[in-house]
Amino acid sequence: MFSKLALAAAVALPLGMLGLSGAALADYNTHYYIPVKPIASAHRPAAAPMLHRAALTCAAAGRMIRADGYKNVKARDCDDRNFVFHAVRHGRAVLLHVNPRNGHVWRA
């Protein structure tokens, strides 16, 4: 009796799967999806202000350039994004840029 039931199940199950359409199989999903509602603006926490503070001051960048062997270092422009200096090295005038956030120095 049990062997007849097992044989019938072994034959019926694949035939039943063939009867399903491709669209029915495509919609089958093993993962659960839980939609997330957006937070209303009244309940949303206030965003922290974006502060881009310089890691170096203009004077500290000038001292760093002097320590690299440059002479007659003079600040030309010290804004938030870029410090620009006039300096002399080996008798030649150079224009140096310093990134105040990371201290990177490059010649213009």
N, C-alpha and C. Protein backbone atom coordinates (compact mmCIF):
# COMPACT_ATOMS: atom_id res chain seq x y z
N MET A 1 0.82 -1.19 0.00
CA MET A 1 0.00 0.00 0.00
C MET A 1 0.87 1.26 0.00
N PHE A 2 1.87 1.29 0.90
CA PHE A 2 2.73 2.47 0.99
C PHE A 2 3.52 2.68 -0.29
N SER A 3 3.98 1.60 -0.92
CA SER A 3 4.78 1.74 -2.14
C SER A 3 3.93 2.30 -3.28
N LYS A 4 2.66 1.97 -3.34
CA LYS A 4 1.77 2.51 -4.38
C LYS A 4 1.56 4.01 -4.15
N LEU A 5 1.43 4.41 -2.88
CA LEU A 5 1.25 5.83 -2.57
C LEU A 5 2.51 6.63 -2.90
N ALA A 6 3.67 6.05 -2.57
CA ALA A 6 4.93 6.72 -2.89
C ALA A 6 5.13 6.83 -4.38
N LEU A 7 4.79 5.78 -5.13
CA LEU A 7 4.92 5.81 -6.58
C LEU A 7 3.98 6.85 -7.19
N ALA A 8 2.76 6.93 -6.70
CA ALA A 8 1.80 7.91 -7.21
C ALA A 8 2.27 9.33 -6.91
N ALA A 9 2.84 9.55 -5.72
CA ALA A 9 3.35 10.88 -5.37
C ALA A 9 4.56 11.25 -6.21
N ALA A 10 5.42 10.26 -6.49
CA ALA A 10 6.60 10.52 -7.30
C ALA A 10 6.24 10.88 -8.73
N VAL A 11 5.14 10.37 -9.22
CA VAL A 11 4.72 10.69 -10.58
C VAL A 11 3.89 11.97 -10.60
N ALA A 12 3.04 12.17 -9.61
CA ALA A 12 2.13 13.31 -9.63
C ALA A 12 2.84 14.64 -9.34
N LEU A 13 3.83 14.62 -8.49
CA LEU A 13 4.50 15.87 -8.12
C LEU A 13 5.19 16.53 -9.31
N PRO A 14 6.01 15.82 -10.10
CA PRO A 14 6.60 16.49 -11.27
C PRO A 14 5.56 16.92 -12.29
N LEU A 15 4.52 16.13 -12.46
CA LEU A 15 3.47 16.53 -13.40
C LEU A 15 2.74 17.76 -12.92
N GLY A 16 2.55 17.88 -11.61
CA GLY A 16 1.91 19.07 -11.07
C GLY A 16 2.76 20.31 -11.24
N MET A 17 4.09 20.17 -11.15
CA MET A 17 4.98 21.31 -11.35
C MET A 17 4.97 21.76 -12.81
N LEU A 18 4.81 20.78 -13.73
CA LEU A 18 4.75 21.15 -15.14
C LEU A 18 3.48 21.92 -15.46
N GLY A 19 2.44 21.69 -14.68
CA GLY A 19 1.17 22.37 -14.91
C GLY A 19 1.22 23.84 -14.51
N LEU A 20 2.19 24.25 -13.67
CA LEU A 20 2.27 25.65 -13.27
C LEU A 20 2.83 26.48 -14.41
N SER A 21 2.31 27.66 -14.56
CA SER A 21 2.81 28.54 -15.62
C SER A 21 4.11 29.20 -15.18
N GLY A 22 4.83 29.74 -16.13
CA GLY A 22 6.09 30.43 -15.84
C GLY A 22 5.87 31.66 -14.99
N ALA A 23 4.74 32.33 -15.18
CA ALA A 23 4.45 33.53 -14.40
C ALA A 23 4.23 33.18 -12.94
N ALA A 24 3.61 32.03 -12.68
CA ALA A 24 3.37 31.62 -11.30
C ALA A 24 4.69 31.29 -10.61
N LEU A 25 5.60 30.66 -11.34
CA LEU A 25 6.91 30.34 -10.76
C LEU A 25 7.76 31.60 -10.57
N ALA A 26 7.60 32.59 -11.45
CA ALA A 26 8.41 33.80 -11.36
C ALA A 26 8.02 34.63 -10.14
N ASP A 27 6.76 34.56 -9.74
CA ASP A 27 6.31 35.34 -8.59
C ASP A 27 6.68 34.70 -7.26
N TYR A 28 7.16 33.50 -7.30
CA TYR A 28 7.51 32.80 -6.06
C TYR A 28 8.75 33.44 -5.46
N ASN A 29 8.67 33.87 -4.22
CA ASN A 29 9.78 34.56 -3.58
C ASN A 29 10.01 33.94 -2.21
N THR A 30 11.26 33.59 -1.92
CA THR A 30 11.58 33.00 -0.62
C THR A 30 11.91 34.06 0.42
N HIS A 31 12.12 35.30 0.00
CA HIS A 31 12.47 36.38 0.92
C HIS A 31 11.23 37.18 1.27
N TYR A 32 11.21 37.65 2.46
CA TYR A 32 10.09 38.46 2.90
C TYR A 32 10.40 39.93 2.67
N TYR A 33 9.45 40.68 2.23
CA TYR A 33 9.61 42.11 2.01
C TYR A 33 8.70 42.85 2.97
N ILE A 34 9.29 43.70 3.76
CA ILE A 34 8.51 44.52 4.69
C ILE A 34 8.69 45.97 4.26
N PRO A 35 7.65 46.59 3.72
CA PRO A 35 7.81 47.97 3.28
C PRO A 35 8.03 48.90 4.48
N VAL A 36 8.89 49.89 4.27
CA VAL A 36 9.21 50.85 5.31
C VAL A 36 8.57 52.18 4.96
N LYS A 37 7.81 52.71 5.88
CA LYS A 37 7.17 53.99 5.65
C LYS A 37 8.17 55.11 5.93
N PRO A 38 8.20 56.15 5.10
CA PRO A 38 9.10 57.26 5.38
C PRO A 38 8.70 58.00 6.65
N ILE A 39 9.68 58.54 7.33
CA ILE A 39 9.44 59.29 8.56
C ILE A 39 8.90 60.66 8.19
N ALA A 40 7.85 61.08 8.82
CA ALA A 40 7.30 62.41 8.58
C ALA A 40 8.33 63.45 9.01
N SER A 41 8.34 64.58 8.33
CA SER A 41 9.35 65.60 8.60
C SER A 41 9.25 66.14 10.03
N ALA A 42 8.08 66.11 10.61
CA ALA A 42 7.92 66.61 11.98
C ALA A 42 8.61 65.67 12.97
N HIS A 43 8.71 64.40 12.63
CA HIS A 43 9.31 63.43 13.53
C HIS A 43 10.75 63.09 13.17
N ARG A 44 11.24 63.66 12.11
CA ARG A 44 12.59 63.38 11.66
C ARG A 44 13.58 64.14 12.54
N PRO A 45 14.66 63.49 12.98
CA PRO A 45 15.63 64.20 13.81
C PRO A 45 16.37 65.26 13.00
N ALA A 46 16.78 66.30 13.66
CA ALA A 46 17.49 67.38 13.00
C ALA A 46 18.87 66.90 12.55
N ALA A 47 19.25 67.28 11.34
CA ALA A 47 20.55 66.89 10.81
C ALA A 47 21.65 67.73 11.43
N ALA A 48 22.78 67.13 11.65
CA ALA A 48 23.92 67.86 12.20
C ALA A 48 24.46 68.79 11.12
N PRO A 49 24.89 69.97 11.49
CA PRO A 49 25.43 70.89 10.48
C PRO A 49 26.74 70.36 9.92
N MET A 50 26.95 70.59 8.62
CA MET A 50 28.17 70.15 7.96
C MET A 50 29.27 71.17 8.25
N LEU A 51 30.29 70.73 8.91
CA LEU A 51 31.42 71.59 9.21
C LEU A 51 32.66 71.03 8.55
N HIS A 52 33.29 71.84 7.74
CA HIS A 52 34.55 71.45 7.11
C HIS A 52 35.65 72.31 7.72
N ARG A 53 36.11 71.86 8.83
CA ARG A 53 37.15 72.63 9.50
C ARG A 53 38.51 72.24 8.97
N ALA A 54 39.38 73.21 8.88
CA ALA A 54 40.73 72.95 8.42
C ALA A 54 41.53 72.29 9.53
N ALA A 55 42.33 71.32 9.15
CA ALA A 55 43.19 70.67 10.13
C ALA A 55 44.40 71.54 10.41
N LEU A 56 44.77 72.37 9.45
CA LEU A 56 45.92 73.27 9.59
C LEU A 56 45.45 74.72 9.54
N THR A 57 46.11 75.54 10.30
CA THR A 57 45.92 76.97 10.14
C THR A 57 46.89 77.47 9.09
N CYS A 58 46.70 78.67 8.65
CA CYS A 58 47.60 79.24 7.64
C CYS A 58 49.02 79.37 8.20
N ALA A 59 49.12 79.75 9.46
CA ALA A 59 50.45 79.89 10.08
C ALA A 59 51.13 78.54 10.22
N ALA A 60 50.37 77.51 10.58
CA ALA A 60 50.95 76.17 10.73
C ALA A 60 51.42 75.63 9.37
N ALA A 61 50.66 75.93 8.31
CA ALA A 61 51.08 75.50 6.97
C ALA A 61 52.36 76.21 6.55
N GLY A 62 52.48 77.51 6.89
CA GLY A 62 53.71 78.24 6.60
C GLY A 62 54.90 77.65 7.33
N ARG A 63 54.72 77.28 8.61
CA ARG A 63 55.81 76.64 9.36
C ARG A 63 56.19 75.29 8.75
N MET A 64 55.20 74.57 8.27
CA MET A 64 55.47 73.27 7.65
C MET A 64 56.28 73.45 6.36
N ILE A 65 55.97 74.48 5.58
CA ILE A 65 56.72 74.75 4.35
C ILE A 65 58.15 75.16 4.68
N ARG A 66 58.33 76.01 5.72
CA ARG A 66 59.68 76.40 6.13
C ARG A 66 60.48 75.19 6.59
N ALA A 67 59.84 74.24 7.26
CA ALA A 67 60.53 73.04 7.71
C ALA A 67 60.95 72.15 6.54
N ASP A 68 60.28 72.28 5.39
CA ASP A 68 60.65 71.51 4.20
C ASP A 68 61.83 72.12 3.46
N GLY A 69 62.35 73.26 3.91
CA GLY A 69 63.54 73.85 3.31
C GLY A 69 63.28 75.08 2.46
N TYR A 70 62.08 75.59 2.45
CA TYR A 70 61.78 76.80 1.70
C TYR A 70 62.09 78.02 2.55
N LYS A 71 62.52 79.10 1.89
CA LYS A 71 62.85 80.36 2.57
C LYS A 71 61.90 81.45 2.09
N ASN A 72 61.87 82.55 2.81
CA ASN A 72 61.04 83.72 2.48
C ASN A 72 59.59 83.31 2.19
N VAL A 73 59.02 82.53 3.06
CA VAL A 73 57.65 82.03 2.87
C VAL A 73 56.68 83.13 3.23
N LYS A 74 55.81 83.47 2.28
CA LYS A 74 54.80 84.51 2.50
C LYS A 74 53.45 83.97 2.03
N ALA A 75 52.44 84.16 2.87
CA ALA A 75 51.10 83.71 2.53
C ALA A 75 50.49 84.65 1.50
N ARG A 76 50.01 84.12 0.41
CA ARG A 76 49.36 84.93 -0.61
C ARG A 76 47.85 84.87 -0.44
N ASP A 77 47.30 83.66 -0.16
CA ASP A 77 45.87 83.51 -0.02
C ASP A 77 45.61 82.35 0.95
N CYS A 78 44.81 82.61 1.97
CA CYS A 78 44.48 81.57 2.95
C CYS A 78 42.96 81.47 3.08
N ASP A 79 42.34 80.77 2.13
CA ASP A 79 40.90 80.56 2.24
C ASP A 79 40.64 79.16 2.78
N ASP A 80 39.39 78.77 2.85
CA ASP A 80 39.03 77.49 3.46
C ASP A 80 39.46 76.28 2.65
N ARG A 81 39.52 76.42 1.35
CA ARG A 81 39.82 75.27 0.51
C ARG A 81 41.31 75.07 0.25
N ASN A 82 42.05 76.14 0.18
CA ASN A 82 43.41 76.06 -0.30
C ASN A 82 44.24 77.19 0.26
N PHE A 83 45.43 76.88 0.74
CA PHE A 83 46.38 77.92 1.16
C PHE A 83 47.41 78.06 0.05
N VAL A 84 47.71 79.31 -0.32
CA VAL A 84 48.69 79.57 -1.38
C VAL A 84 49.82 80.39 -0.78
N PHE A 85 51.07 79.98 -1.04
CA PHE A 85 52.25 80.64 -0.49
C PHE A 85 53.25 80.93 -1.61
N HIS A 86 53.94 82.08 -1.46
CA HIS A 86 55.13 82.38 -2.27
C HIS A 86 56.32 81.96 -1.42
N ALA A 87 57.29 81.31 -2.04
CA ALA A 87 58.47 80.89 -1.29
C ALA A 87 59.66 80.81 -2.26
N VAL A 88 60.85 80.66 -1.67
CA VAL A 88 62.08 80.54 -2.47
C VAL A 88 62.79 79.27 -2.03
N ARG A 89 63.24 78.50 -3.02
CA ARG A 89 64.04 77.31 -2.73
C ARG A 89 65.12 77.20 -3.80
N HIS A 90 66.37 77.04 -3.36
CA HIS A 90 67.54 76.97 -4.24
C HIS A 90 67.61 78.18 -5.16
N GLY A 91 67.22 79.35 -4.65
CA GLY A 91 67.30 80.59 -5.40
C GLY A 91 66.17 80.79 -6.38
N ARG A 92 65.21 79.91 -6.45
CA ARG A 92 64.09 80.05 -7.38
C ARG A 92 62.79 80.31 -6.63
N ALA A 93 62.01 81.23 -7.16
CA ALA A 93 60.72 81.53 -6.56
C ALA A 93 59.71 80.47 -7.01
N VAL A 94 58.94 80.00 -6.05
CA VAL A 94 57.92 78.98 -6.35
C VAL A 94 56.60 79.41 -5.73
N LEU A 95 55.55 78.88 -6.28
CA LEU A 95 54.21 79.10 -5.75
C LEU A 95 53.73 77.75 -5.22
N LEU A 96 53.41 77.69 -3.94
CA LEU A 96 53.04 76.44 -3.29
C LEU A 96 51.57 76.49 -2.87
N HIS A 97 50.89 75.39 -3.03
CA HIS A 97 49.51 75.22 -2.58
C HIS A 97 49.51 74.17 -1.48
N VAL A 98 48.72 74.42 -0.43
CA VAL A 98 48.61 73.48 0.68
C VAL A 98 47.13 73.20 0.90
N ASN A 99 46.81 71.90 0.99
CA ASN A 99 45.45 71.51 1.34
C ASN A 99 45.35 71.56 2.86
N PRO A 100 44.52 72.42 3.44
CA PRO A 100 44.49 72.56 4.89
C PRO A 100 43.87 71.36 5.61
N ARG A 101 43.12 70.51 4.91
CA ARG A 101 42.49 69.37 5.57
C ARG A 101 43.46 68.22 5.80
N ASN A 102 44.39 67.99 4.85
CA ASN A 102 45.30 66.87 5.00
C ASN A 102 46.78 67.25 4.98
N GLY A 103 47.11 68.50 4.73
CA GLY A 103 48.49 68.96 4.75
C GLY A 103 49.28 68.67 3.50
N HIS A 104 48.63 68.23 2.43
CA HIS A 104 49.31 67.92 1.19
C HIS A 104 49.81 69.21 0.52
N VAL A 105 51.09 69.22 0.11
CA VAL A 105 51.71 70.40 -0.51
C VAL A 105 52.03 70.08 -1.96
N TRP A 106 51.71 71.00 -2.89
CA TRP A 106 52.09 70.82 -4.27
C TRP A 106 52.47 72.15 -4.87
N ARG A 107 53.30 72.08 -5.92
CA ARG A 107 53.78 73.28 -6.60
C ARG A 107 52.86 73.60 -7.75
N ALA A 108 52.66 74.88 -7.98
CA ALA A 108 51.79 75.30 -9.08
C ALA A 108 52.61 75.48 -10.35
